[in-house]
Amino acid sequence: MIKYFDCNKYNYNNISEQFKNYVKKHHCPEIFVDLSTMNVIDAMKFILLSSAYHYSKYPLGKFRCHVASEDIKNYIKMFTTANLELV
């Protein structure tokens, strides 16, 4: 079952910490995050940090992110992220 992490419910200043807490409390090997309202820099930072954290807990899991910009997809391609899927 895919879990949904709603970024709009949290303060962007500490969203990475909020995500870590969410993953600690919930069983979520597959998670979907909507980052379409986030700017490019914040979204990329969140994606890379959260993907790594999620992978450390669920190496066979999937971390799916909806992003607003093709630029984000192009920048993220430069990094190796086994569990990440950008939509």
PDB file of N, CA and C in Angstrom:
ATOM      1  N   MET A   1       0.846  -1.185   0.000  1.00  0.00           N
ATOM      2  CA  MET A   1       0.000   0.000   0.000  1.00  0.00           C
ATOM      3  C   MET A   1       0.888   1.243   0.000  1.00  0.00           C
ATOM      4  N   ILE A   2       0.594   2.156  -0.880  1.00  0.00           N
ATOM      5  CA  ILE A   2       1.380   3.385  -1.002  1.00  0.00           C
ATOM      6  C   ILE A   2       0.890   4.406   0.026  1.00  0.00           C
ATOM      7  N   LYS A   3       1.829   4.956   0.778  1.00  0.00           N
ATOM      8  CA  LYS A   3       1.531   6.030   1.728  1.00  0.00           C
ATOM      9  C   LYS A   3       1.713   7.364   1.027  1.00  0.00           C
ATOM     10  N   TYR A   4       1.045   8.391   1.508  1.00  0.00           N
ATOM     11  CA  TYR A   4       1.120   9.730   0.930  1.00  0.00           C
ATOM     12  C   TYR A   4       1.613  10.701   1.987  1.00  0.00           C
ATOM     13  N   PHE A   5       2.699  11.404   1.697  1.00  0.00           N
ATOM     14  CA  PHE A   5       3.234  12.437   2.588  1.00  0.00           C
ATOM     15  C   PHE A   5       2.873  13.781   1.985  1.00  0.00           C
ATOM     16  N   ASP A   6       2.023  14.530   2.666  1.00  0.00           N
ATOM     17  CA  ASP A   6       1.526  15.816   2.166  1.00  0.00           C
ATOM     18  C   ASP A   6       2.437  16.943   2.644  1.00  0.00           C
ATOM     19  N   CYS A   7       3.277  17.435   1.756  1.00  0.00           N
ATOM     20  CA  CYS A   7       4.229  18.499   2.095  1.00  0.00           C
ATOM     21  C   CYS A   7       3.538  19.808   2.451  1.00  0.00           C
ATOM     22  N   ASN A   8       2.356  20.014   1.958  1.00  0.00           N
ATOM     23  CA  ASN A   8       1.656  21.265   2.219  1.00  0.00           C
ATOM     24  C   ASN A   8       1.226  21.409   3.675  1.00  0.00           C
ATOM     25  N   LYS A   9       1.222  20.317   4.425  1.00  0.00           N
ATOM     26  CA  LYS A   9       0.841  20.357   5.833  1.00  0.00           C
ATOM     27  C   LYS A   9       1.982  20.803   6.739  1.00  0.00           C
ATOM     28  N   TYR A  10       3.200  20.880   6.193  1.00  0.00           N
ATOM     29  CA  TYR A  10       4.375  21.129   7.020  1.00  0.00           C
ATOM     30  C   TYR A  10       5.084  22.420   6.616  1.00  0.00           C
ATOM     31  N   ASN A  11       5.861  22.921   7.541  1.00  0.00           N
ATOM     32  CA  ASN A  11       6.700  24.091   7.301  1.00  0.00           C
ATOM     33  C   ASN A  11       7.899  23.657   6.460  1.00  0.00           C
ATOM     34  N   TYR A  12       8.160  24.338   5.369  1.00  0.00           N
ATOM     35  CA  TYR A  12       9.256  23.942   4.477  1.00  0.00           C
ATOM     36  C   TYR A  12      10.624  24.062   5.137  1.00  0.00           C
ATOM     37  N   ASN A  13      10.750  24.859   6.198  1.00  0.00           N
ATOM     38  CA  ASN A  13      12.041  25.028   6.863  1.00  0.00           C
ATOM     39  C   ASN A  13      12.535  23.736   7.514  1.00  0.00           C
ATOM     40  N   ASN A  14      11.640  22.898   7.962  1.00  0.00           N
ATOM     41  CA  ASN A  14      12.053  21.643   8.604  1.00  0.00           C
ATOM     42  C   ASN A  14      11.328  20.434   8.017  1.00  0.00           C
ATOM     43  N   ILE A  15      11.019  20.501   6.756  1.00  0.00           N
ATOM     44  CA  ILE A  15      10.245  19.433   6.131  1.00  0.00           C
ATOM     45  C   ILE A  15      11.011  18.109   6.094  1.00  0.00           C
ATOM     46  N   SER A  16      12.324  18.159   5.976  1.00  0.00           N
ATOM     47  CA  SER A  16      13.110  16.919   5.969  1.00  0.00           C
ATOM     48  C   SER A  16      12.978  16.193   7.303  1.00  0.00           C
ATOM     49  N   GLU A  17      12.999  16.940   8.383  1.00  0.00           N
ATOM     50  CA  GLU A  17      12.826  16.336   9.715  1.00  0.00           C
ATOM     51  C   GLU A  17      11.418  15.770   9.868  1.00  0.00           C
ATOM     52  N   GLN A  18      10.434  16.487   9.355  1.00  0.00           N
ATOM     53  CA  GLN A  18       9.053  16.001   9.417  1.00  0.00           C
ATOM     54  C   GLN A  18       8.916  14.703   8.630  1.00  0.00           C
ATOM     55  N   PHE A  19       9.582  14.632   7.483  1.00  0.00           N
ATOM     56  CA  PHE A  19       9.542  13.411   6.680  1.00  0.00           C
ATOM     57  C   PHE A  19      10.191  12.252   7.434  1.00  0.00           C
ATOM     58  N   LYS A  20      11.335  12.489   8.048  1.00  0.00           N
ATOM     59  CA  LYS A  20      12.008  11.441   8.826  1.00  0.00           C
ATOM     60  C   LYS A  20      11.093  10.917   9.923  1.00  0.00           C
ATOM     61  N   ASN A  21      10.433  11.824  10.631  1.00  0.00           N
ATOM     62  CA  ASN A  21       9.500  11.414  11.687  1.00  0.00           C
ATOM     63  C   ASN A  21       8.348  10.589  11.124  1.00  0.00           C
ATOM     64  N   TYR A  22       7.846  10.978   9.969  1.00  0.00           N
ATOM     65  CA  TYR A  22       6.753  10.246   9.331  1.00  0.00           C
ATOM     66  C   TYR A  22       7.195   8.818   8.998  1.00  0.00           C
ATOM     67  N   VAL A  23       8.379   8.688   8.418  1.00  0.00           N
ATOM     68  CA  VAL A  23       8.893   7.365   8.037  1.00  0.00           C
ATOM     69  C   VAL A  23       9.158   6.512   9.272  1.00  0.00           C
ATOM     70  N   LYS A  24       9.608   7.118  10.350  1.00  0.00           N
ATOM     71  CA  LYS A  24       9.842   6.373  11.597  1.00  0.00           C
ATOM     72  C   LYS A  24       8.541   5.818  12.171  1.00  0.00           C
ATOM     73  N   LYS A  25       7.462   6.601  12.080  1.00  0.00           N
ATOM     74  CA  LYS A  25       6.191   6.230  12.701  1.00  0.00           C
ATOM     75  C   LYS A  25       5.322   5.312  11.852  1.00  0.00           C
ATOM     76  N   HIS A  26       5.494   5.347  10.533  1.00  0.00           N
ATOM     77  CA  HIS A  26       4.627   4.600   9.628  1.00  0.00           C
ATOM     78  C   HIS A  26       5.428   3.565   8.832  1.00  0.00           C
ATOM     79  N   HIS A  27       4.789   2.459   8.565  1.00  0.00           N
ATOM     80  CA  HIS A  27       5.384   1.454   7.678  1.00  0.00           C
ATOM     81  C   HIS A  27       5.099   1.916   6.252  1.00  0.00           C
ATOM     82  N   CYS A  28       6.150   2.351   5.559  1.00  0.00           N
ATOM     83  CA  CYS A  28       5.917   2.946   4.237  1.00  0.00           C
ATOM     84  C   CYS A  28       7.026   2.584   3.247  1.00  0.00           C
ATOM     85  N   PRO A  29       7.125   1.318   2.853  1.00  0.00           N
ATOM     86  CA  PRO A  29       8.122   0.966   1.846  1.00  0.00           C
ATOM     87  C   PRO A  29       7.851   1.638   0.497  1.00  0.00           C
ATOM     88  N   GLU A  30       6.607   1.998   0.233  1.00  0.00           N
ATOM     89  CA  GLU A  30       6.259   2.769  -0.962  1.00  0.00           C
ATOM     90  C   GLU A  30       5.574   4.043  -0.497  1.00  0.00           C
ATOM     91  N   ILE A  31       6.155   5.162  -0.909  1.00  0.00           N
ATOM     92  CA  ILE A  31       5.613   6.452  -0.466  1.00  0.00           C
ATOM     93  C   ILE A  31       5.566   7.416  -1.635  1.00  0.00           C
ATOM     94  N   PHE A  32       4.534   8.244  -1.657  1.00  0.00           N
ATOM     95  CA  PHE A  32       4.352   9.260  -2.693  1.00  0.00           C
ATOM     96  C   PHE A  32       4.376  10.629  -2.030  1.00  0.00           C
ATOM     97  N   VAL A  33       5.156  11.551  -2.606  1.00  0.00           N
ATOM     98  CA  VAL A  33       5.272  12.904  -2.077  1.00  0.00           C
ATOM     99  C   VAL A  33       4.992  13.890  -3.206  1.00  0.00           C
ATOM    100  N   ASP A  34       4.112  14.828  -2.967  1.00  0.00           N
ATOM    101  CA  ASP A  34       3.793  15.862  -3.955  1.00  0.00           C
ATOM    102  C   ASP A  34       4.597  17.116  -3.624  1.00  0.00           C
ATOM    103  N   LEU A  35       5.575  17.422  -4.479  1.00  0.00           N
ATOM    104  CA  LEU A  35       6.438  18.587  -4.285  1.00  0.00           C
ATOM    105  C   LEU A  35       6.168  19.674  -5.318  1.00  0.00           C
ATOM    106  N   SER A  36       5.008  19.633  -5.934  1.00  0.00           N
ATOM    107  CA  SER A  36       4.709  20.548  -7.038  1.00  0.00           C
ATOM    108  C   SER A  36       4.624  22.008  -6.605  1.00  0.00           C
ATOM    109  N   THR A  37       4.427  22.282  -5.329  1.00  0.00           N
ATOM    110  CA  THR A  37       4.355  23.667  -4.863  1.00  0.00           C
ATOM    111  C   THR A  37       5.697  24.182  -4.353  1.00  0.00           C
ATOM    112  N   MET A  38       6.691  23.332  -4.336  1.00  0.00           N
ATOM    113  CA  MET A  38       8.000  23.703  -3.794  1.00  0.00           C
ATOM    114  C   MET A  38       8.902  24.258  -4.899  1.00  0.00           C
ATOM    115  N   ASN A  39       9.767  25.209  -4.542  1.00  0.00           N
ATOM    116  CA  ASN A  39      10.693  25.752  -5.539  1.00  0.00           C
ATOM    117  C   ASN A  39      11.772  24.723  -5.868  1.00  0.00           C
ATOM    118  N   VAL A  40      12.517  24.973  -6.927  1.00  0.00           N
ATOM    119  CA  VAL A  40      13.478  24.003  -7.457  1.00  0.00           C
ATOM    120  C   VAL A  40      14.538  23.624  -6.424  1.00  0.00           C
ATOM    121  N   ILE A  41      15.145  24.599  -5.791  1.00  0.00           N
ATOM    122  CA  ILE A  41      16.230  24.334  -4.837  1.00  0.00           C
ATOM    123  C   ILE A  41      15.727  23.526  -3.643  1.00  0.00           C
ATOM    124  N   ASP A  42      14.627  23.948  -3.041  1.00  0.00           N
ATOM    125  CA  ASP A  42      14.087  23.227  -1.883  1.00  0.00           C
ATOM    126  C   ASP A  42      13.636  21.816  -2.262  1.00  0.00           C
ATOM    127  N   ALA A  43      13.028  21.691  -3.424  1.00  0.00           N
ATOM    128  CA  ALA A  43      12.564  20.372  -3.866  1.00  0.00           C
ATOM    129  C   ALA A  43      13.734  19.423  -4.089  1.00  0.00           C
ATOM    130  N   MET A  44      14.794  19.904  -4.726  1.00  0.00           N
ATOM    131  CA  MET A  44      15.952  19.045  -4.971  1.00  0.00           C
ATOM    132  C   MET A  44      16.609  18.625  -3.658  1.00  0.00           C
ATOM    133  N   LYS A  45      16.752  19.553  -2.744  1.00  0.00           N
ATOM    134  CA  LYS A  45      17.334  19.248  -1.434  1.00  0.00           C
ATOM    135  C   LYS A  45      16.490  18.189  -0.719  1.00  0.00           C
ATOM    136  N   PHE A  46      15.180  18.407  -0.694  1.00  0.00           N
ATOM    137  CA  PHE A  46      14.292  17.454  -0.034  1.00  0.00           C
ATOM    138  C   PHE A  46      14.354  16.080  -0.692  1.00  0.00           C
ATOM    139  N   ILE A  47      14.318  16.045  -2.006  1.00  0.00           N
ATOM    140  CA  ILE A  47      14.330  14.770  -2.733  1.00  0.00           C
ATOM    141  C   ILE A  47      15.582  13.969  -2.415  1.00  0.00           C
ATOM    142  N   LEU A  48      16.732  14.592  -2.502  1.00  0.00           N
ATOM    143  CA  LEU A  48      17.980  13.861  -2.296  1.00  0.00           C
ATOM    144  C   LEU A  48      18.137  13.385  -0.854  1.00  0.00           C
ATOM    145  N   LEU A  49      17.840  14.245   0.109  1.00  0.00           N
ATOM    146  CA  LEU A  49      17.968  13.846   1.512  1.00  0.00           C
ATOM    147  C   LEU A  49      16.930  12.795   1.900  1.00  0.00           C
ATOM    148  N   SER A  50      15.706  13.004   1.488  1.00  0.00           N
ATOM    149  CA  SER A  50      14.630  12.090   1.868  1.00  0.00           C
ATOM    150  C   SER A  50      14.738  10.751   1.156  1.00  0.00           C
ATOM    151  N   SER A  51      15.162  10.776  -0.084  1.00  0.00           N
ATOM    152  CA  SER A  51      15.361   9.533  -0.825  1.00  0.00           C
ATOM    153  C   SER A  51      16.428   8.676  -0.148  1.00  0.00           C
ATOM    154  N   ALA A  52      17.515   9.308   0.259  1.00  0.00           N
ATOM    155  CA  ALA A  52      18.588   8.576   0.948  1.00  0.00           C
ATOM    156  C   ALA A  52      18.103   8.017   2.282  1.00  0.00           C
ATOM    157  N   TYR A  53      17.345   8.817   3.025  1.00  0.00           N
ATOM    158  CA  TYR A  53      16.829   8.351   4.309  1.00  0.00           C
ATOM    159  C   TYR A  53      15.848   7.192   4.116  1.00  0.00           C
ATOM    160  N   HIS A  54      14.950   7.335   3.162  1.00  0.00           N
ATOM    161  CA  HIS A  54      13.971   6.287   2.896  1.00  0.00           C
ATOM    162  C   HIS A  54      14.676   5.002   2.456  1.00  0.00           C
ATOM    163  N   TYR A  55      15.700   5.128   1.618  1.00  0.00           N
ATOM    164  CA  TYR A  55      16.456   3.971   1.143  1.00  0.00           C
ATOM    165  C   TYR A  55      17.156   3.255   2.295  1.00  0.00           C
ATOM    166  N   SER A  56      17.650   4.007   3.269  1.00  0.00           N
ATOM    167  CA  SER A  56      18.334   3.377   4.409  1.00  0.00           C
ATOM    168  C   SER A  56      17.385   2.501   5.224  1.00  0.00           C
ATOM    169  N   LYS A  57      16.119   2.853   5.250  1.00  0.00           N
ATOM    170  CA  LYS A  57      15.132   2.051   5.987  1.00  0.00           C
ATOM    171  C   LYS A  57      14.480   0.995   5.100  1.00  0.00           C
ATOM    172  N   TYR A  58      14.257   1.319   3.843  1.00  0.00           N
ATOM    173  CA  TYR A  58      13.588   0.417   2.904  1.00  0.00           C
ATOM    174  C   TYR A  58      14.403   0.304   1.610  1.00  0.00           C
ATOM    175  N   PRO A  59      15.480  -0.483   1.607  1.00  0.00           N
ATOM    176  CA  PRO A  59      16.328  -0.572   0.413  1.00  0.00           C
ATOM    177  C   PRO A  59      15.602  -1.106  -0.824  1.00  0.00           C
ATOM    178  N   LEU A  60      14.537  -1.841  -0.631  1.00  0.00           N
ATOM    179  CA  LEU A  60      13.767  -2.357  -1.765  1.00  0.00           C
ATOM    180  C   LEU A  60      12.503  -1.537  -2.018  1.00  0.00           C
ATOM    181  N   GLY A  61      12.345  -0.438  -1.299  1.00  0.00           N
ATOM    182  CA  GLY A  61      11.154   0.390  -1.412  1.00  0.00           C
ATOM    183  C   GLY A  61      11.199   1.349  -2.584  1.00  0.00           C
ATOM    184  N   LYS A  62      10.130   2.110  -2.726  1.00  0.00           N
ATOM    185  CA  LYS A  62      10.014   3.122  -3.776  1.00  0.00           C
ATOM    186  C   LYS A  62       9.656   4.464  -3.148  1.00  0.00           C
ATOM    187  N   PHE A  63      10.356   5.486  -3.596  1.00  0.00           N
ATOM    188  CA  PHE A  63      10.125   6.860  -3.160  1.00  0.00           C
ATOM    189  C   PHE A  63       9.705   7.634  -4.403  1.00  0.00           C
ATOM    190  N   ARG A  64       8.410   7.916  -4.518  1.00  0.00           N
ATOM    191  CA  ARG A  64       7.876   8.576  -5.708  1.00  0.00           C
ATOM    192  C   ARG A  64       7.576  10.040  -5.384  1.00  0.00           C
ATOM    193  N   CYS A  65       8.005  10.916  -6.279  1.00  0.00           N
ATOM    194  CA  CYS A  65       7.800  12.357  -6.080  1.00  0.00           C
ATOM    195  C   CYS A  65       7.183  12.978  -7.312  1.00  0.00           C
ATOM    196  N   HIS A  66       6.185  13.791  -7.070  1.00  0.00           N
ATOM    197  CA  HIS A  66       5.603  14.603  -8.139  1.00  0.00           C
ATOM    198  C   HIS A  66       6.257  15.975  -8.049  1.00  0.00           C
ATOM    199  N   VAL A  67       6.903  16.390  -9.137  1.00  0.00           N
ATOM    200  CA  VAL A  67       7.575  17.682  -9.167  1.00  0.00           C
ATOM    201  C   VAL A  67       6.958  18.561 -10.249  1.00  0.00           C
ATOM    202  N   ALA A  68       7.123  19.869 -10.078  1.00  0.00           N
ATOM    203  CA  ALA A  68       6.488  20.818 -10.991  1.00  0.00           C
ATOM    204  C   ALA A  68       7.326  21.131 -12.218  1.00  0.00           C
ATOM    205  N   SER A  69       8.603  20.802 -12.172  1.00  0.00           N
ATOM    206  CA  SER A  69       9.501  21.272 -13.218  1.00  0.00           C
ATOM    207  C   SER A  69      10.322  20.142 -13.833  1.00  0.00           C
ATOM    208  N   GLU A  70      10.483  20.199 -15.137  1.00  0.00           N
ATOM    209  CA  GLU A  70      11.372  19.256 -15.819  1.00  0.00           C
ATOM    210  C   GLU A  70      12.828  19.511 -15.417  1.00  0.00           C
ATOM    211  N   ASP A  71      13.127  20.747 -15.025  1.00  0.00           N
ATOM    212  CA  ASP A  71      14.488  21.077 -14.571  1.00  0.00           C
ATOM    213  C   ASP A  71      14.884  20.208 -13.380  1.00  0.00           C
ATOM    214  N   ILE A  72      13.963  20.015 -12.464  1.00  0.00           N
ATOM    215  CA  ILE A  72      14.254  19.185 -11.293  1.00  0.00           C
ATOM    216  C   ILE A  72      14.589  17.771 -11.737  1.00  0.00           C
ATOM    217  N   LYS A  73      13.803  17.233 -12.639  1.00  0.00           N
ATOM    218  CA  LYS A  73      14.060  15.879 -13.136  1.00  0.00           C
ATOM    219  C   LYS A  73      15.439  15.791 -13.778  1.00  0.00           C
ATOM    220  N   ASN A  74      15.802  16.793 -14.553  1.00  0.00           N
ATOM    221  CA  ASN A  74      17.095  16.792 -15.229  1.00  0.00           C
ATOM    222  C   ASN A  74      18.254  16.899 -14.240  1.00  0.00           C
ATOM    223  N   TYR A  75      18.118  17.717 -13.221  1.00  0.00           N
ATOM    224  CA  TYR A  75      19.175  17.855 -12.219  1.00  0.00           C
ATOM    225  C   TYR A  75      19.333  16.579 -11.399  1.00  0.00           C
ATOM    226  N   ILE A  76      18.231  15.970 -11.027  1.00  0.00           N
ATOM    227  CA  ILE A  76      18.261  14.780 -10.171  1.00  0.00           C
ATOM    228  C   ILE A  76      18.856  13.584 -10.926  1.00  0.00           C
ATOM    229  N   LYS A  77      18.729  13.546 -12.239  1.00  0.00           N
ATOM    230  CA  LYS A  77      19.279  12.444 -13.034  1.00  0.00           C
ATOM    231  C   LYS A  77      20.779  12.279 -12.822  1.00  0.00           C
ATOM    232  N   MET A  78      21.461  13.362 -12.436  1.00  0.00           N
ATOM    233  CA  MET A  78      22.911  13.311 -12.231  1.00  0.00           C
ATOM    234  C   MET A  78      23.302  12.477 -11.014  1.00  0.00           C
ATOM    235  N   PHE A  79      22.359  12.232 -10.127  1.00  0.00           N
ATOM    236  CA  PHE A  79      22.624  11.498  -8.887  1.00  0.00           C
ATOM    237  C   PHE A  79      22.088  10.076  -8.996  1.00  0.00           C
ATOM    238  N   THR A  80      22.771   9.160  -8.327  1.00  0.00           N
ATOM    239  CA  THR A  80      22.312   7.777  -8.292  1.00  0.00           C
ATOM    240  C   THR A  80      21.319   7.626  -7.149  1.00  0.00           C
ATOM    241  N   THR A  81      20.092   7.352  -7.497  1.00  0.00           N
ATOM    242  CA  THR A  81      19.034   7.172  -6.505  1.00  0.00           C
ATOM    243  C   THR A  81      18.225   5.936  -6.909  1.00  0.00           C
ATOM    244  N   ALA A  82      18.566   4.817  -6.319  1.00  0.00           N
ATOM    245  CA  ALA A  82      17.973   3.533  -6.716  1.00  0.00           C
ATOM    246  C   ALA A  82      16.474   3.454  -6.438  1.00  0.00           C
ATOM    247  N   ASN A  83      16.021   4.109  -5.407  1.00  0.00           N
ATOM    248  CA  ASN A  83      14.623   3.968  -5.010  1.00  0.00           C
ATOM    249  C   ASN A  83      13.727   5.102  -5.511  1.00  0.00           C
ATOM    250  N   LEU A  84      14.283   6.083  -6.207  1.00  0.00           N
ATOM    251  CA  LEU A  84      13.548   7.283  -6.571  1.00  0.00           C
ATOM    252  C   LEU A  84      12.877   7.179  -7.935  1.00  0.00           C
ATOM    253  N   GLU A  85      11.637   7.652  -7.966  1.00  0.00           N
ATOM    254  CA  GLU A  85      10.897   7.767  -9.221  1.00  0.00           C
ATOM    255  C   GLU A  85      10.235   9.130  -9.260  1.00  0.00           C
ATOM    256  N   LEU A  86      10.577   9.926 -10.264  1.00  0.00           N
ATOM    257  CA  LEU A  86       9.992  11.259 -10.398  1.00  0.00           C
ATOM    258  C   LEU A  86       8.858  11.231 -11.408  1.00  0.00           C
ATOM    259  N   VAL A  87       7.725  11.783 -11.014  1.00  0.00           N
ATOM    260  CA  VAL A  87       6.554  11.831 -11.902  1.00  0.00           C
ATOM    261  C   VAL A  87       6.094  13.266 -12.055  1.00  0.00           C
TER     262      VAL A  87
END
